[in-house]
Amino acid sequence: MAKKRPAQNLDPHWALIKPGKPRGWKAIEMTPDGRQEMPEERFVILLAEEGGYGLYRFAQDGEFAGDTLHATRTELQKHLKAAYGSDVGTWQRIPESISTGDHMIHLVDYVLSRLPKA
């Protein structure tokens, strides 16, 4: 079996999601106590990963709000359009100096420090 190659080289990026608009769906997390709604997403982080592109959603306070994996950039773009329409803000590059690897917290902290104050 061939090893999956990382998606096309893409630096991590983030974008704001316009708040307060009903999306017609809610991310659901399975917990030992049953199903639980995830918080409303306020920003997304995009990472090139093995086998595709990871789209990670976070609430205003940085709480995890769901994720999806997309095999191609085209699939990712279709998903973003279907899920958010024009509610995705301008994509902003996350500097290389911010550690990624298994440390998503560094990326989230970086974005939180740049969010507009409520």
Foldseek 3Di string as FASTA:
>chain_A
DDFFDWADDDFKKKWFFDPDDDQVDFDWDQDPVGIDTFDDFGMWIWDTGRQAIKIWTAHLVGHTRDIDGDRHPVRVVVVCCSRRNPRIGDIDGDDPVQDDDPCCVSVSVVVNVVDDDD
